[in-house]
N, C-alpha and C. Protein backbone atom coordinates (compact mmCIF):
# COMPACT_ATOMS: atom_id res chain seq x y z
N MET A 1 -11.88 -5.93 -16.56
CA MET A 1 -11.01 -4.72 -15.57
C MET A 1 -10.17 -5.97 -14.66
N GLY A 2 -9.33 -6.63 -14.06
CA GLY A 2 -9.24 -6.90 -13.15
C GLY A 2 -9.74 -6.24 -11.44
N TYR A 3 -9.14 -6.95 -10.70
CA TYR A 3 -9.16 -5.99 -9.22
C TYR A 3 -8.39 -6.17 -9.26
N ILE A 4 -8.20 -5.30 -8.59
CA ILE A 4 -7.00 -4.02 -7.60
C ILE A 4 -7.22 -4.86 -6.27
N PHE A 5 -5.99 -5.77 -5.96
CA PHE A 5 -5.62 -6.23 -4.48
C PHE A 5 -5.35 -5.13 -3.43
N TYR A 6 -5.39 -4.15 -2.69
CA TYR A 6 -4.85 -3.31 -1.77
C TYR A 6 -4.22 -3.32 -0.85
N LEU A 7 -3.06 -4.03 -0.52
CA LEU A 7 -1.98 -4.07 0.71
C LEU A 7 -1.80 -2.90 1.68
N MET A 8 -2.10 -2.90 2.93
CA MET A 8 -2.17 -2.02 3.84
C MET A 8 -1.78 -2.13 4.88
N GLY A 9 -1.34 -1.50 6.09
CA GLY A 9 -0.93 -2.25 7.18
C GLY A 9 0.17 -1.12 7.46
N LYS A 10 0.31 -0.83 8.91
CA LYS A 10 0.91 0.34 9.80
C LYS A 10 3.32 -0.13 9.36
N SER A 11 3.81 0.77 9.68
CA SER A 11 4.73 0.79 9.21
C SER A 11 5.48 0.15 10.06
N SER A 12 6.50 -0.88 8.78
CA SER A 12 7.31 -1.95 9.75
C SER A 12 6.34 -3.47 10.01
N SER A 13 5.26 -3.21 9.08
CA SER A 13 4.90 -4.45 9.53
C SER A 13 4.90 -5.95 8.25
N GLY A 14 5.94 -5.29 7.57
CA GLY A 14 6.23 -6.49 6.14
C GLY A 14 5.85 -5.44 4.79
N LYS A 15 5.22 -5.29 4.52
CA LYS A 15 3.93 -4.52 3.76
C LYS A 15 5.25 -5.30 2.61
N ASP A 16 6.55 -3.99 2.98
CA ASP A 16 7.03 -4.21 0.71
C ASP A 16 6.88 -5.84 0.95
N SER A 17 8.58 -6.43 1.94
CA SER A 17 8.17 -7.77 1.36
C SER A 17 7.79 -8.29 0.93
N ILE A 18 6.32 -8.55 1.44
CA ILE A 18 4.79 -9.19 1.67
C ILE A 18 5.41 -8.95 -0.31
N TYR A 19 4.78 -7.23 -0.43
CA TYR A 19 4.60 -7.04 -2.11
C TYR A 19 5.27 -7.84 -3.00
N ASN A 20 6.64 -7.12 -2.29
CA ASN A 20 7.81 -8.05 -3.69
C ASN A 20 7.74 -9.07 -3.73
N ARG A 21 7.05 -10.41 -3.25
CA ARG A 21 7.36 -11.59 -3.53
C ARG A 21 5.96 -11.89 -4.00
N LEU A 22 4.73 -11.33 -3.15
CA LEU A 22 3.72 -11.20 -4.25
C LEU A 22 3.68 -11.26 -6.23
N LEU A 23 4.78 -10.56 -5.73
CA LEU A 23 4.77 -10.14 -7.51
C LEU A 23 5.37 -10.79 -8.09
N GLU A 24 6.52 -10.82 -7.41
CA GLU A 24 7.48 -12.41 -7.95
C GLU A 24 6.44 -13.90 -8.12
N ASP A 25 5.29 -13.70 -7.96
CA ASP A 25 5.03 -15.57 -8.05
C ASP A 25 4.55 -15.23 -9.56
N LYS A 26 4.37 -16.29 -9.83
CA LYS A 26 4.31 -16.74 -11.79
C LYS A 26 2.93 -16.85 -11.34
N GLU A 27 2.19 -17.65 -10.31
CA GLU A 27 0.82 -18.15 -10.41
C GLU A 27 0.20 -17.21 -10.37
N ILE A 28 0.67 -16.66 -10.28
CA ILE A 28 -0.90 -15.62 -9.00
C ILE A 28 -1.21 -14.13 -10.49
N ASN A 29 0.37 -13.67 -11.57
CA ASN A 29 0.27 -13.22 -12.03
C ASN A 29 0.06 -11.51 -11.46
N LEU A 30 -0.28 -11.17 -10.41
CA LEU A 30 0.07 -9.86 -10.30
C LEU A 30 0.65 -8.92 -11.11
N LYS A 31 0.12 -7.43 -11.23
CA LYS A 31 1.10 -6.31 -11.69
C LYS A 31 0.54 -4.91 -11.04
N PRO A 32 1.98 -4.59 -11.24
CA PRO A 32 2.15 -3.60 -10.15
C PRO A 32 1.25 -2.23 -10.57
N VAL A 33 1.07 -1.03 -9.24
CA VAL A 33 0.96 0.85 -10.09
C VAL A 33 2.12 1.03 -9.33
N VAL A 34 2.70 1.74 -10.00
CA VAL A 34 3.44 2.79 -9.55
C VAL A 34 2.77 4.17 -8.85
N ILE A 35 2.73 4.49 -8.23
CA ILE A 35 2.05 5.25 -7.00
C ILE A 35 3.16 6.84 -7.49
N TYR A 36 3.00 7.67 -6.95
CA TYR A 36 3.72 9.49 -7.41
C TYR A 36 4.32 9.92 -5.97
N THR A 37 5.31 10.82 -6.05
CA THR A 37 5.97 10.89 -4.18
C THR A 37 6.28 11.86 -4.88
N THR A 38 6.55 13.27 -4.24
CA THR A 38 7.41 14.64 -4.37
C THR A 38 8.15 13.89 -2.83
N ARG A 39 7.89 13.62 -1.90
CA ARG A 39 9.56 12.82 -0.87
C ARG A 39 10.86 12.38 -1.85
N PRO A 40 12.51 13.13 -0.95
CA PRO A 40 13.32 12.51 -1.89
C PRO A 40 13.68 11.12 -1.91
N MET A 41 13.90 10.18 -3.44
CA MET A 41 14.99 9.62 -3.00
C MET A 41 15.09 8.01 -2.56
N ARG A 42 15.05 8.05 -1.70
CA ARG A 42 16.63 6.98 -0.84
C ARG A 42 17.38 6.16 -1.35
N GLN A 43 18.23 5.58 -0.63
CA GLN A 43 19.35 4.87 -1.24
C GLN A 43 18.30 3.35 -1.89
N GLN A 44 19.48 2.95 -2.36
CA GLN A 44 18.70 1.69 -3.16
C GLN A 44 16.99 1.32 -4.04
N GLU A 45 16.14 3.21 -3.81
CA GLU A 45 14.58 3.67 -4.85
C GLU A 45 14.95 2.78 -5.87
N ILE A 46 14.29 2.63 -6.72
CA ILE A 46 14.38 3.48 -8.44
C ILE A 46 13.36 3.97 -8.82
N HIS A 47 13.37 5.06 -9.48
CA HIS A 47 12.08 6.46 -10.17
C HIS A 47 11.40 4.85 -11.18
N GLY A 48 10.51 4.70 -11.13
CA GLY A 48 9.84 4.84 -12.08
C GLY A 48 9.15 3.29 -11.32
N THR A 49 9.96 2.18 -10.73
CA THR A 49 9.77 1.12 -10.28
C THR A 49 9.03 1.47 -8.83
N THR A 50 10.02 2.01 -7.74
CA THR A 50 9.64 2.24 -6.40
C THR A 50 8.28 2.87 -6.37
N TYR A 51 8.80 4.17 -6.82
CA TYR A 51 7.71 5.45 -6.97
C TYR A 51 7.98 6.07 -8.37
N HIS A 52 6.93 6.85 -8.65
CA HIS A 52 7.30 7.57 -9.73
C HIS A 52 8.03 9.07 -8.88
N PHE A 53 8.74 9.79 -8.33
CA PHE A 53 9.66 10.77 -8.17
C PHE A 53 9.04 12.11 -8.54
N THR A 54 9.17 12.82 -8.25
CA THR A 54 8.29 14.13 -8.91
C THR A 54 8.26 15.10 -7.78
N ASP A 55 7.60 16.76 -7.83
CA ASP A 55 7.76 17.28 -7.42
C ASP A 55 6.26 18.01 -7.06
N GLU A 56 6.11 19.26 -6.67
CA GLU A 56 5.13 20.49 -6.06
C GLU A 56 4.11 20.30 -7.10
N GLU A 57 5.00 20.96 -7.81
CA GLU A 57 4.48 21.76 -9.46
C GLU A 57 3.35 20.37 -10.67
N SER A 58 4.25 19.57 -10.71
CA SER A 58 3.84 18.06 -11.66
C SER A 58 2.24 18.04 -11.03
N LEU A 59 2.34 17.94 -9.43
CA LEU A 59 1.39 17.97 -8.47
C LEU A 59 0.54 17.86 -9.14
N ASN A 60 -0.10 19.19 -9.05
CA ASN A 60 -0.34 20.45 -9.40
C ASN A 60 -1.60 20.53 -10.05
N ARG A 61 -0.05 20.68 -11.33
CA ARG A 61 -0.79 19.82 -12.57
C ARG A 61 -2.07 18.81 -12.84
N MET A 62 -1.34 17.76 -12.04
CA MET A 62 -2.42 16.53 -12.64
C MET A 62 -3.63 17.13 -11.81
N GLN A 63 -2.99 17.20 -10.60
CA GLN A 63 -4.40 18.33 -9.69
C GLN A 63 -6.03 18.57 -10.51
N LYS A 64 -5.05 19.08 -11.65
CA LYS A 64 -6.19 20.37 -12.52
C LYS A 64 -6.41 19.23 -13.03
N GLU A 65 -5.96 18.65 -13.82
CA GLU A 65 -6.27 18.37 -14.73
C GLU A 65 -7.13 16.45 -14.83
N GLY A 66 -7.84 16.34 -13.49
CA GLY A 66 -8.37 15.08 -12.88
C GLY A 66 -7.51 14.13 -12.73
N LYS A 67 -6.15 14.41 -13.27
CA LYS A 67 -5.93 13.01 -13.25
C LYS A 67 -4.99 12.16 -11.26
N VAL A 68 -5.14 12.79 -10.33
CA VAL A 68 -5.38 12.35 -9.70
C VAL A 68 -6.83 11.51 -8.75
N LEU A 69 -6.15 10.28 -8.41
CA LEU A 69 -7.69 9.60 -7.24
C LEU A 69 -7.40 10.14 -6.38
N GLU A 70 -6.44 10.11 -5.07
CA GLU A 70 -6.13 10.01 -4.06
C GLU A 70 -4.63 10.74 -3.89
N CYS A 71 -4.41 11.39 -2.87
CA CYS A 71 -3.32 12.51 -2.70
C CYS A 71 -3.34 11.99 -1.00
N ARG A 72 -1.60 11.88 -0.67
CA ARG A 72 -1.63 11.79 1.03
C ARG A 72 -0.53 12.73 1.12
N GLU A 73 -0.96 14.17 2.02
CA GLU A 73 0.27 14.67 2.51
C GLU A 73 0.70 13.99 4.32
N TYR A 74 2.02 14.42 4.25
CA TYR A 74 2.63 14.55 5.35
C TYR A 74 3.89 15.04 6.12
N HIS A 75 3.66 15.65 7.26
CA HIS A 75 4.24 17.16 7.57
C HIS A 75 5.81 16.27 8.74
N THR A 76 6.69 15.70 7.87
CA THR A 76 7.12 15.17 8.50
C THR A 76 8.49 16.08 9.40
N VAL A 77 9.67 15.37 9.01
CA VAL A 77 10.51 16.51 9.70
C VAL A 77 11.68 17.18 8.67
N HIS A 78 10.78 17.08 7.91
CA HIS A 78 11.89 17.02 6.55
C HIS A 78 11.31 17.71 5.43
N GLY A 79 9.74 18.42 6.19
CA GLY A 79 8.33 19.09 5.18
C GLY A 79 7.62 18.16 4.76
N VAL A 80 7.28 18.90 4.31
CA VAL A 80 6.00 18.76 3.75
C VAL A 80 6.16 17.62 2.69
N TRP A 81 5.52 16.25 2.26
CA TRP A 81 5.88 15.19 1.70
C TRP A 81 4.22 14.49 1.01
N TYR A 82 3.97 14.43 -0.24
CA TYR A 82 2.26 13.45 -0.28
C TYR A 82 2.95 12.67 -1.69
N TYR A 83 2.20 12.01 -0.40
CA TYR A 83 2.10 9.99 -1.91
C TYR A 83 0.75 10.44 -2.54
N PHE A 84 0.95 10.31 -3.97
CA PHE A 84 -0.51 10.18 -5.22
C PHE A 84 -0.32 8.86 -5.82
N THR A 85 -2.04 9.04 -5.84
CA THR A 85 -1.95 8.31 -7.10
C THR A 85 -2.93 8.56 -8.64
N VAL A 86 -2.14 8.26 -9.64
CA VAL A 86 -2.87 8.83 -11.28
C VAL A 86 -3.44 7.86 -11.93
N GLU A 87 -4.85 8.50 -11.92
CA GLU A 87 -5.49 7.22 -12.87
C GLU A 87 -5.31 7.13 -14.27
N ASP A 88 -4.01 6.39 -14.50
CA ASP A 88 -3.18 6.78 -16.08
C ASP A 88 -3.39 4.80 -16.76
N GLU A 89 -3.24 4.55 -18.08
CA GLU A 89 -3.24 3.27 -18.35
C GLU A 89 -2.89 2.22 -17.05
N GLN A 90 -2.05 2.66 -16.25
CA GLN A 90 -1.14 1.57 -15.59
C GLN A 90 -2.83 0.56 -15.13
N PHE A 91 -3.89 1.77 -14.55
CA PHE A 91 -5.29 0.49 -14.70
C PHE A 91 -5.66 0.13 -15.59
N ASP A 92 -5.40 -0.05 -17.01
CA ASP A 92 -6.29 -0.86 -18.29
C ASP A 92 -5.74 -1.51 -18.31
N ARG A 93 -5.63 -2.97 -17.49
CA ARG A 93 -5.58 -3.22 -17.45
C ARG A 93 -6.26 -4.75 -17.57
N LEU A 94 -6.20 -5.90 -17.69
CA LEU A 94 -7.16 -7.17 -17.68
C LEU A 94 -6.65 -8.19 -16.94
N GLU A 95 -5.94 -7.73 -16.78
CA GLU A 95 -4.70 -9.52 -15.12
C GLU A 95 -5.28 -7.85 -13.87
N ASN A 96 -5.69 -8.97 -12.79
CA ASN A 96 -5.29 -8.37 -11.54
C ASN A 96 -4.18 -7.63 -11.37
N ILE A 97 -4.35 -6.03 -10.13
CA ILE A 97 -3.18 -5.35 -10.16
C ILE A 97 -2.99 -5.43 -8.46
N LEU A 98 -1.94 -4.98 -8.54
CA LEU A 98 -1.27 -4.85 -6.72
C LEU A 98 -1.37 -3.76 -6.05
N MET A 99 -2.39 -3.86 -5.19
CA MET A 99 -1.15 -1.90 -4.64
C MET A 99 -1.10 -2.23 -3.50
N ILE A 100 -0.76 -1.40 -2.55
CA ILE A 100 -0.11 -0.43 -1.79
C ILE A 100 -0.24 0.06 -1.40
N GLY A 101 -0.33 0.56 -0.15
CA GLY A 101 -0.77 1.70 0.56
C GLY A 101 -1.44 2.54 1.85
N THR A 102 -1.56 3.55 2.34
CA THR A 102 -1.93 3.34 3.55
C THR A 102 -4.47 2.99 3.35
N LEU A 103 -4.65 2.58 4.38
CA LEU A 103 -6.52 2.83 4.05
C LEU A 103 -7.00 3.39 4.37
N GLU A 104 -6.10 5.54 4.29
CA GLU A 104 -6.82 6.59 3.79
C GLU A 104 -6.62 6.18 1.74
N SER A 105 -5.56 5.90 1.10
CA SER A 105 -6.15 5.57 -0.40
C SER A 105 -6.56 5.24 0.17
N TYR A 106 -6.63 3.78 0.37
CA TYR A 106 -7.75 2.51 -0.07
C TYR A 106 -8.99 2.96 0.55
N GLU A 107 -9.67 3.58 0.60
CA GLU A 107 -10.73 4.70 1.32
C GLU A 107 -11.48 4.75 -0.15
N LYS A 108 -10.38 6.46 -0.75
CA LYS A 108 -10.58 6.83 -1.59
C LYS A 108 -10.65 6.49 -2.91
N LEU A 109 -9.64 5.21 -3.40
CA LEU A 109 -9.67 4.02 -4.72
C LEU A 109 -10.61 3.36 -4.22
N ARG A 110 -11.42 2.57 -3.19
CA ARG A 110 -12.10 2.12 -2.81
C ARG A 110 -14.07 3.47 -3.84
N GLY A 111 -13.86 4.67 -2.99
CA GLY A 111 -14.39 4.99 -3.28
C GLY A 111 -14.76 5.93 -5.16
N HIS A 112 -14.06 5.14 -5.44
CA HIS A 112 -14.16 5.13 -7.12
C HIS A 112 -13.91 4.24 -8.53
N PHE A 113 -13.13 2.48 -7.85
CA PHE A 113 -13.19 1.78 -8.18
C PHE A 113 -14.09 0.92 -8.24
N LYS A 114 -15.24 0.99 -6.95
CA LYS A 114 -15.88 0.06 -6.23
C LYS A 114 -15.36 -1.36 -5.61
N GLU A 115 -15.93 -1.66 -5.70
CA GLU A 115 -15.78 -3.57 -5.49
C GLU A 115 -14.18 -4.15 -6.64
N ARG A 116 -13.42 -3.54 -7.05
CA ARG A 116 -12.40 -3.61 -7.78
C ARG A 116 -11.57 -4.23 -6.95
N VAL A 117 -11.53 -2.81 -5.68
CA VAL A 117 -10.71 -3.00 -5.11
C VAL A 117 -11.03 -3.93 -4.01
N VAL A 118 -9.85 -5.10 -3.79
CA VAL A 118 -10.43 -6.25 -2.56
C VAL A 118 -8.80 -5.39 -1.42
N PRO A 119 -9.07 -5.51 0.06
CA PRO A 119 -8.35 -4.42 0.75
C PRO A 119 -7.79 -5.93 0.52
N ILE A 120 -6.35 -5.82 2.17
CA ILE A 120 -5.73 -6.74 2.70
C ILE A 120 -4.77 -6.02 3.40
N LEU A 121 -5.60 -6.38 4.61
CA LEU A 121 -4.50 -6.29 6.02
C LEU A 121 -2.63 -6.63 6.65
N ILE A 122 -2.05 -5.85 7.07
CA ILE A 122 -1.60 -7.04 7.76
C ILE A 122 -1.00 -5.92 8.68
N THR A 123 -0.68 -6.94 10.08
CA THR A 123 -0.96 -7.15 10.63
C THR A 123 0.50 -7.15 11.71
N VAL A 124 1.53 -6.60 12.52
CA VAL A 124 1.90 -6.84 13.52
C VAL A 124 1.89 -6.77 15.05
N GLU A 125 2.67 -7.23 15.99
CA GLU A 125 2.29 -6.60 16.67
C GLU A 125 3.08 -5.32 17.12
N ASP A 126 3.05 -5.00 17.59
CA ASP A 126 3.64 -2.81 18.17
C ASP A 126 4.25 -3.39 18.30
N LYS A 127 5.24 -4.19 19.61
CA LYS A 127 6.71 -4.19 20.22
C LYS A 127 7.26 -4.24 18.84
N GLU A 128 7.48 -5.12 18.23
CA GLU A 128 8.47 -5.77 17.10
C GLU A 128 8.23 -5.63 15.94
N ARG A 129 6.69 -4.63 15.93
CA ARG A 129 6.75 -3.18 14.08
C ARG A 129 8.08 -2.19 14.79
N LEU A 130 8.18 -1.02 16.36
CA LEU A 130 9.16 -0.30 16.46
C LEU A 130 10.46 -1.37 16.28
N LEU A 131 10.48 -2.41 17.06
CA LEU A 131 11.72 -2.67 16.60
C LEU A 131 12.87 -2.76 15.40
N ARG A 132 11.99 -3.26 14.76
CA ARG A 132 12.04 -3.33 13.44
C ARG A 132 12.38 -2.56 12.50
N ALA A 133 11.40 -0.65 12.75
CA ALA A 133 11.66 0.55 12.30
C ALA A 133 13.32 0.87 12.27
N ILE A 134 13.10 0.80 14.12
CA ILE A 134 15.06 0.87 14.59
C ILE A 134 15.94 0.75 13.67
N HIS A 135 15.79 -0.35 13.27
CA HIS A 135 16.77 -1.47 12.85
C HIS A 135 17.31 -0.71 11.18
N ARG A 136 15.37 -0.94 10.80
CA ARG A 136 15.70 -0.13 8.94
C ARG A 136 15.91 0.91 8.86
N GLU A 137 15.98 2.16 10.31
CA GLU A 137 16.74 3.65 9.95
C GLU A 137 18.11 3.85 9.98
N GLU A 138 18.43 2.98 10.88
CA GLU A 138 20.17 2.09 11.58
C GLU A 138 20.34 2.34 9.87
N ARG A 139 20.04 1.44 8.98
CA ARG A 139 20.64 1.19 7.73
C ARG A 139 20.95 2.74 6.96
N GLN A 140 19.64 3.46 7.25
CA GLN A 140 20.07 5.07 6.00
C GLN A 140 21.21 5.62 6.72
N GLU A 141 21.78 6.37 5.34
CA GLU A 141 23.24 7.64 5.34
C GLU A 141 22.45 8.29 6.14
N ASN A 142 21.67 8.90 6.72
CA ASN A 142 20.88 9.42 7.58
C ASN A 142 20.01 9.29 8.07
N PRO A 143 19.93 8.61 9.58
CA PRO A 143 19.13 8.25 10.44
C PRO A 143 18.00 8.74 10.83
N SER A 144 17.45 9.55 10.95
CA SER A 144 15.71 9.76 11.68
C SER A 144 15.31 8.87 12.49
N TYR A 145 15.62 8.91 13.76
CA TYR A 145 14.72 8.53 14.28
C TYR A 145 13.01 9.30 15.25
N ALA A 146 13.59 10.49 14.64
CA ALA A 146 12.01 10.94 15.64
C ALA A 146 10.93 11.36 14.01
N GLU A 147 11.76 10.89 12.52
CA GLU A 147 10.83 10.26 11.02
C GLU A 147 10.09 9.00 12.48
N VAL A 148 10.34 8.69 12.81
CA VAL A 148 10.08 6.62 12.73
C VAL A 148 9.70 7.18 14.09
N CYS A 149 9.31 7.69 14.72
CA CYS A 149 8.29 7.71 16.23
C CYS A 149 6.95 8.74 15.37
N ARG A 150 7.12 9.70 14.19
CA ARG A 150 6.10 10.37 14.32
C ARG A 150 5.41 9.54 13.02
N ARG A 151 6.03 8.39 12.26
CA ARG A 151 5.15 7.35 12.07
C ARG A 151 4.71 6.85 12.65
N PHE A 152 4.55 6.14 13.92
CA PHE A 152 5.07 5.47 14.34
C PHE A 152 3.13 5.56 14.79
N LEU A 153 3.56 6.73 15.53
CA LEU A 153 2.14 7.15 16.69
C LEU A 153 1.30 8.03 14.63
N ALA A 154 1.77 8.16 14.46
CA ALA A 154 0.07 8.71 13.11
C ALA A 154 -0.25 7.16 12.97
N ASP A 155 0.43 5.98 12.62
CA ASP A 155 0.27 4.63 12.43
C ASP A 155 -1.36 4.00 13.42
N GLU A 156 -1.17 4.60 14.87
CA GLU A 156 -1.94 4.48 15.83
C GLU A 156 -3.18 4.82 14.99
N LYS A 157 -3.39 5.96 14.85
CA LYS A 157 -5.04 7.17 14.52
C LYS A 157 -6.15 5.91 13.16
N ASP A 158 -4.11 6.17 12.22
CA ASP A 158 -4.98 6.11 10.84
C ASP A 158 -5.49 4.56 11.05
N PHE A 159 -4.99 3.92 11.96
CA PHE A 159 -5.24 2.19 11.29
C PHE A 159 -5.70 1.79 13.43
N SER A 160 -6.91 2.64 12.99
CA SER A 160 -6.91 3.09 14.52
C SER A 160 -8.59 1.73 14.33
N LYS A 161 -9.63 1.27 15.55
CA LYS A 161 -10.25 -0.29 14.87
C LYS A 161 -10.95 0.48 14.77
N GLU A 162 -12.17 1.93 15.45
CA GLU A 162 -13.18 2.27 14.25
C GLU A 162 -13.19 1.99 12.33
N ASN A 163 -11.49 2.74 12.62
CA ASN A 163 -10.95 3.53 11.01
C ASN A 163 -11.50 1.76 10.28
N ILE A 164 -11.11 0.30 10.81
CA ILE A 164 -11.18 -0.44 9.79
C ILE A 164 -12.29 -0.98 9.31
N GLU A 165 -13.82 -0.38 10.65
CA GLU A 165 -14.50 -1.64 10.97
C GLU A 165 -15.57 -0.18 10.46
N ARG A 166 -15.15 0.74 10.16
CA ARG A 166 -15.41 1.69 9.16
C ARG A 166 -15.63 1.65 8.15
N ASN A 167 -14.82 0.46 6.89
CA ASN A 167 -14.19 0.25 5.96
C ASN A 167 -14.28 -1.03 5.76
N HIS A 168 -14.92 -2.24 6.96
CA HIS A 168 -15.68 -3.24 5.87
C HIS A 168 -14.56 -3.91 5.86
N ILE A 169 -13.16 -3.83 6.64
CA ILE A 169 -11.83 -4.94 6.24
C ILE A 169 -12.39 -6.39 7.23
N THR A 170 -11.62 -7.30 6.70
CA THR A 170 -12.40 -7.78 7.59
C THR A 170 -11.11 -9.35 6.74
N ASN A 171 -10.68 -8.99 5.84
CA ASN A 171 -8.85 -9.60 5.36
C ASN A 171 -8.29 -9.31 6.31
N ILE A 172 -8.15 -10.01 6.91
CA ILE A 172 -6.74 -9.38 8.02
C ILE A 172 -5.75 -10.54 8.47
N PHE A 173 -4.25 -10.06 7.62
CA PHE A 173 -3.28 -11.31 7.79
C PHE A 173 -1.50 -10.89 8.68
N GLU A 174 -1.60 -11.97 9.83
CA GLU A 174 -0.44 -11.16 10.93
C GLU A 174 0.49 -11.63 10.96
N ASN A 175 1.57 -11.10 10.22
CA ASN A 175 2.61 -11.49 9.21
C ASN A 175 3.86 -11.88 10.65
N GLN A 176 3.68 -12.75 11.04
CA GLN A 176 4.46 -13.61 12.09
C GLN A 176 5.73 -13.68 11.88
N ILE A 177 5.71 -14.49 10.64
CA ILE A 177 6.48 -15.56 9.76
C ILE A 177 6.11 -14.98 8.50
N LEU A 178 7.05 -14.80 7.97
CA LEU A 178 6.77 -14.20 5.85
C LEU A 178 6.33 -14.59 5.53
N GLU A 179 7.39 -15.93 5.59
CA GLU A 179 6.75 -16.91 4.67
C GLU A 179 5.34 -17.52 4.17
N GLU A 180 4.86 -18.23 5.58
CA GLU A 180 4.03 -18.30 5.44
C GLU A 180 2.09 -17.53 5.08
N CYS A 181 2.27 -15.84 5.99
CA CYS A 181 1.25 -14.45 5.35
C CYS A 181 1.46 -14.47 3.61
N VAL A 182 3.09 -14.88 2.69
CA VAL A 182 2.76 -14.79 2.29
C VAL A 182 1.92 -15.48 0.96
N GLU A 183 2.08 -16.64 1.85
CA GLU A 183 1.58 -18.14 1.50
C GLU A 183 0.00 -17.77 1.82
N ASP A 184 -0.78 -17.55 2.98
CA ASP A 184 -1.89 -17.09 2.93
C ASP A 184 -2.60 -15.71 2.67
N ILE A 185 -1.64 -16.02 1.65
CA ILE A 185 -2.77 -14.38 1.05
C ILE A 185 -2.41 -14.15 -0.30
N LYS A 186 -1.61 -15.64 -0.82
CA LYS A 186 -1.00 -15.67 -1.63
C LYS A 186 -2.77 -16.99 -2.39
N ASN A 187 -2.57 -17.50 -1.15
CA ASN A 187 -3.97 -18.56 -0.99
C ASN A 187 -5.07 -17.56 -1.37
N PHE A 188 -5.61 -16.39 -0.27
CA PHE A 188 -6.58 -16.13 -0.75
C PHE A 188 -6.80 -15.38 -2.05
N ILE A 189 -6.17 -14.61 -2.37
CA ILE A 189 -5.94 -14.00 -3.82
C ILE A 189 -6.65 -14.96 -4.69
N LYS A 190 -5.60 -16.59 -4.78
CA LYS A 190 -6.65 -17.77 -5.26
C LYS A 190 -8.08 -17.66 -5.36
N ASN A 191 -8.73 -17.89 -4.41
CA ASN A 191 -9.63 -18.01 -3.93
C ASN A 191 -10.95 -17.07 -4.47
N VAL A 192 -10.16 -15.11 -4.17
CA VAL A 192 -11.28 -14.44 -4.94
C VAL A 192 -10.85 -14.81 -6.27
N GLU A 193 -10.55 -15.55 -6.90
CA GLU A 193 -10.65 -15.49 -8.28
C GLU A 193 -11.33 -16.58 -8.37
N LYS A 194 -11.00 -17.89 -7.70
CA LYS A 194 -12.46 -18.98 -7.94
C LYS A 194 -14.35 -18.31 -7.90
N GLU A 195 -14.22 -17.70 -6.57
CA GLU A 195 -15.49 -16.98 -6.18
C GLU A 195 -15.74 -16.19 -7.35
N ARG A 196 -14.96 -15.17 -8.32
CA ARG A 196 -15.72 -14.77 -9.48
C ARG A 196 -15.27 -15.74 -11.29
N ASN A 197 -15.34 -16.97 -11.02
CA ASN A 197 -14.85 -17.43 -12.05
C ASN A 197 -16.33 -18.32 -11.75
N GLY A 198 -16.93 -18.00 -10.40
CA GLY A 198 -17.67 -18.99 -10.62
C GLY A 198 -19.06 -18.81 -10.13
N GLY A 199 -18.57 -17.47 -10.47
CA GLY A 199 -19.83 -16.02 -10.22
C GLY A 199 -20.48 -16.60 -9.05
N SER A 200 -19.38 -16.50 -8.28
CA SER A 200 -19.97 -15.82 -6.35
C SER A 200 -19.62 -14.58 -6.87
N CYS A 201 -20.05 -13.00 -5.49
CA CYS A 201 -19.95 -12.66 -5.10
C CYS A 201 -18.45 -12.89 -3.78
N LEU A 202 -18.07 -11.13 -4.11
CA LEU A 202 -17.18 -11.43 -3.40
C LEU A 202 -18.07 -11.20 -2.40
N ARG A 203 -16.91 -11.44 -1.27
CA ARG A 203 -17.67 -10.49 0.19
C ARG A 203 -16.15 -9.45 0.82
N GLN A 204 -16.92 -9.03 1.53
CA GLN A 204 -15.23 -7.47 1.55
C GLN A 204 -16.18 -7.50 3.66
């Protein structure tokens, strides 16, 4: 099986842009895993590509079947939303996989897949992140700035220094200039492949 490169970071750190550019790069040839969510689909999102959009009934059924690897519950101003990963045929690949999610979800997948999961943490200065989040929300049909504030504050707890250190995450990339950050991550992924092909142990 290939590696699972797991991209994470606080909201509005540029994860989605980096994720899409890495997937488009044929040289590193990463394959996506689409996770599931019960939240409503937003403008320009595509079912089966952005997320598998579903409902709580389907989530409960898959949990009973033992298919849910990790599940996150978010109490938003619009109600409770769930995001979860299902162990399906998407993981039965020889190629390397690229995923995107939270530190909590990374921790659970790492517990299941062990060293197959390689963390990649994206960072951006807090003021810049907040400005990006506000500008992004402005483009929504029904902007919710309360939800922007909730996510911003939640990230401070979720991505605390203690949590990062507890998970031994040292693969950290600052997203000041998008193109440079993508290139740095691409080179990191290529080096991980070189270590495996050379028989070296992967360092976390």
